[in-house]
C-alpha atoms as a PDB file:
ATOM      1  CA  MET A   1     105.440 104.666  98.134  1.00  0.00           C
ATOM      2  CA  LYS A   2     102.932 102.791  96.688  1.00  0.00           C
ATOM      3  CA  ALA A   3      99.485 103.539  95.718  1.00  0.00           C
ATOM      4  CA  THR A   4      96.772 103.795  97.782  1.00  0.00           C
ATOM      5  CA  ASN A   5      94.646 100.289  98.876  1.00  0.00           C
ATOM      6  CA  GLU A   6      91.593 101.584  97.458  1.00  0.00           C
ATOM      7  CA  GLU A   7      93.637 102.430  94.207  1.00  0.00           C
ATOM      8  CA  THR A   8      95.242  98.539  94.215  1.00  0.00           C
ATOM      9  CA  LYS A   9      91.448  97.214  95.261  1.00  0.00           C
ATOM     10  CA  LYS A  10      89.974  98.946  92.314  1.00  0.00           C
ATOM     11  CA  LEU A  11      92.667  97.976  89.950  1.00  0.00           C
ATOM     12  CA  ILE A  12      92.547  94.352  90.846  1.00  0.00           C
ATOM     13  CA  ASN A  13      88.540  94.318  90.755  1.00  0.00           C
ATOM     14  CA  GLU A  14      88.678  95.803  87.279  1.00  0.00           C
ATOM     15  CA  LEU A  15      90.923  92.759  86.262  1.00  0.00           C
ATOM     16  CA  GLY A  16      88.376  90.264  87.411  1.00  0.00           C
ATOM     17  CA  GLY A  17      88.905  90.543  90.535  1.00  0.00           C
ATOM     18  CA  PRO A  18      91.740  88.280  92.992  1.00  0.00           C
ATOM     19  CA  ALA A  19      90.477  85.469  91.691  1.00  0.00           C
ATOM     20  CA  PHE A  20      90.758  85.439  88.476  1.00  0.00           C
ATOM     21  CA  VAL A  21      93.929  87.673  88.428  1.00  0.00           C
ATOM     22  CA  SER A  22      95.431  84.823  91.572  1.00  0.00           C
ATOM     23  CA  ARG A  23      95.178  82.124  88.920  1.00  0.00           C
ATOM     24  CA  GLN A  24      96.083  84.191  85.444  1.00  0.00           C
ATOM     25  CA  LEU A  25      99.475  85.163  87.456  1.00  0.00           C
ATOM     26  CA  ASN A  26      99.478  81.587  89.344  1.00  0.00           C
ATOM     27  CA  VAL A  27      99.836  83.168  92.838  1.00  0.00           C
ATOM     28  CA  THR A  28      96.816  82.742  96.053  1.00  0.00           C
ATOM     29  CA  PRO A  29      94.178  84.675  96.110  1.00  0.00           C
ATOM     30  CA  GLN A  30      94.954  85.418  99.901  1.00  0.00           C
ATOM     31  CA  ALA A  31      98.118  86.786  98.032  1.00  0.00           C
ATOM     32  CA  VAL A  32      96.139  89.572  95.622  1.00  0.00           C
ATOM     33  CA  SER A  33      93.917  90.389  98.410  1.00  0.00           C
ATOM     34  CA  LEU A  34      96.980  91.341 100.509  1.00  0.00           C
ATOM     35  CA  TRP A  35      98.045  93.552  97.700  1.00  0.00           C
ATOM     36  CA  SER A  36      94.901  95.633  98.557  1.00  0.00           C
ATOM     37  CA  CYS A  37      94.776  95.711 102.129  1.00  0.00           C
ATOM     38  CA  LYS A  38      98.732  95.643 103.056  1.00  0.00           C
ATOM     39  CA  VAL A  39     101.916  95.426 100.733  1.00  0.00           C
ATOM     40  CA  GLY A  40     101.103  96.893  97.436  1.00  0.00           C
ATOM     41  CA  ILE A  41     101.256  95.295  94.309  1.00  0.00           C
ATOM     42  CA  PRO A  42     105.040  93.714  94.274  1.00  0.00           C
ATOM     43  CA  ALA A  43     107.159  94.770  91.160  1.00  0.00           C
ATOM     44  CA  GLU A  44     107.670  91.609  89.524  1.00  0.00           C
ATOM     45  CA  ARG A  45     104.071  91.249  89.245  1.00  0.00           C
ATOM     46  CA  ILE A  46     103.444  94.083  87.127  1.00  0.00           C
ATOM     47  CA  SER A  47     103.843  92.800  83.517  1.00  0.00           C
ATOM     48  CA  GLY A  48     101.480  89.562  84.696  1.00  0.00           C
ATOM     49  CA  LEU A  49      98.888  92.629  85.329  1.00  0.00           C
ATOM     50  CA  ILE A  50      99.636  94.476  82.301  1.00  0.00           C
ATOM     51  CA  LYS A  51      99.238  91.532  80.353  1.00  0.00           C
ATOM     52  CA  ILE A  52      95.646  90.672  81.813  1.00  0.00           C
ATOM     53  CA  GLY A  53      94.821  94.402  81.454  1.00  0.00           C
ATOM     54  CA  MET A  54      95.583  94.340  77.983  1.00  0.00           C
ATOM     55  CA  ALA A  55      93.775  91.322  77.099  1.00  0.00           C
ATOM     56  CA  ARG A  56      90.447  92.633  78.511  1.00  0.00           C
ATOM     57  CA  GLY A  57      91.258  96.345  76.588  1.00  0.00           C
ATOM     58  CA  ILE A  58      92.492  98.226  80.026  1.00  0.00           C
ATOM     59  CA  LYS A  59      94.547 100.516  80.668  1.00  0.00           C
ATOM     60  CA  ILE A  60      97.065 100.334  83.294  1.00  0.00           C
ATOM     61  CA  ASP A  61      98.923 103.389  85.097  1.00  0.00           C
ATOM     62  CA  LEU A  62     102.100 102.742  86.372  1.00  0.00           C
ATOM     63  CA  GLU A  63     103.074 105.373  87.717  1.00  0.00           C
ATOM     64  CA  LYS A  64      99.983 105.511  89.641  1.00  0.00           C
ATOM     65  CA  ILE A  65      99.961 101.859  90.795  1.00  0.00           C
ATOM     66  CA  ARG A  66     103.774 101.905  92.329  1.00  0.00           C
ATOM     67  CA  PRO A  67     105.320 105.748  91.736  1.00  0.00           C
ATOM     68  CA  ASP A  68     107.972 104.836  94.057  1.00  0.00           C
ATOM     69  CA  ILE A  69     109.575 103.294  90.393  1.00  0.00           C
ATOM     70  CA  ASP A  70     110.590 105.529  87.707  1.00  0.00           C
ATOM     71  CA  TRP A  71     109.122 103.698  84.775  1.00  0.00           C
ATOM     72  CA  ARG A  72     110.656 106.628  82.220  1.00  0.00           C
ATOM     73  CA  LEU A  73     114.180 105.270  83.237  1.00  0.00           C
ATOM     74  CA  ILE A  74     112.966 101.308  83.164  1.00  0.00           C
ATOM     75  CA  ALA A  75     111.326 102.375  79.692  1.00  0.00           C
ATOM     76  CA  ALA A  76     114.655 104.104  78.366  1.00  0.00           C
ATOM     77  CA  SER A  77     116.549 100.809  78.935  1.00  0.00           C
ATOM     78  CA  VAL A  78     113.997  98.717  77.467  1.00  0.00           C
ATOM     79  CA  PHE A  79     113.951 100.781  74.316  1.00  0.00           C
ATOM     80  CA  SER A  80     117.626 101.298  74.118  1.00  0.00           C
ATOM     81  CA  LYS A  81     118.303  97.463  75.118  1.00  0.00           C
ATOM     82  CA  SER A  82     115.755  96.383  72.194  1.00  0.00           C
ATOM     83  CA  LYS A  83     117.787  98.958  69.905  1.00  0.00           C
ATOM     84  CA  LYS A  84     121.044  97.225  70.100  1.00  0.00           C
ATOM     85  CA  ASN A  85     119.268  93.735  69.227  1.00  0.00           C
ATOM     86  CA  GLY A  86     118.091  95.205  66.074  1.00  0.00           C
ATOM     87  CA  GLU A  87     114.332  94.678  67.414  1.00  0.00           C
ATOM     88  CA  ALA A  88     111.716  96.300  65.181  1.00  0.00           C
ATOM     89  CA  HIS A  89     109.451  98.883  67.711  1.00  0.00           C
ATOM     90  CA  VAL A  90     106.170  99.439  66.877  1.00  0.00           C
END
């Protein structure tokens, strides 16, 4: 399951539009536009979108754009790995 085309399109527009997002992620504008109309946002592009959102003060609802991914499991895994490496958490 993936976000609806309208949700994806809205997010991309909030982040600056397909041309801006594509430049930030080093992909073609056509690839970004495809996310909105057919394929959804690839999981490997999520972190880049989060960085764009953080820079622009936009909170991205991960569960809304990729409901097929168990974000709690990923967060727990990242937290566990960081804790083992002695990294500080804020």
